[in-house]
């Protein structure tokens, strides 16, 4: 049984989530709920749990403040709950932590719980928390944060500028960085596209996402192909050629 705690300043949101957990995630037992985040912090400092459902936007202490107050490393996993346009969502995505959008959908809740259940380590490391808080600060300043690259073995953190190419490999993505390394990451290329779209990245082909700053040459042809700084040749789809040229000439 997965022991869970909910911290959300809206009682109706707590009640709705409890009902959904009871009906759709029977493997989860809600041990405690808190409208006051400070009370939740005190509870978690004295009691154990496996999974924390944590609202981001709350008065007095927001979700990030809660984690900072508890202190890293966290001996439990975290799923953030937030509205799509709320501050901090980009920082959460960059840090490879899970989140649910309000109103919480049944399938997304079940998927998030199943993802938690399958994790080898159901906790949040000091580095993950530190990266999250740094990314929150970067988001406040309008700067890019560090992207978490989570593989089966580890989680590494890189600046978006260090990523040269992302290539689809089934439900995984091969990430090539400026240090010459290739990492196989357990996220889809679509995930990376959504994550990096606003950081000068473009998807010239259904299997590839590129950092425009690392393009060295565009070779024209039927669709053409790109030569990247790391010598990789990336094909360009006919349908995406015009959009690519617009991006390259901006």
Foldseek 3Di string as FASTA:
>chain_A
DFEEEEEALDPVLVVVVVVLCVVQPVVYDYPYYYNDLVVVLVCQLPDDGAEYEAEADDPPAGRLNSDVSNDPFFQYAYEYEYAPPDQLPLLCLQLPHHYAYPVGDSVSVNVNVVVCVPQPRGTHGNVSSVQSVQQSVCVVVVHHGWHWADDNVGTDTHTPVQWFKWFADPQWIWTAGPVGDTDIGRHGVVSVCVSCVVPQWDDQDPGMIGRLVQWDDWADDPQTWTQGVSRDTGGGDNVCSVVVVVSNVD
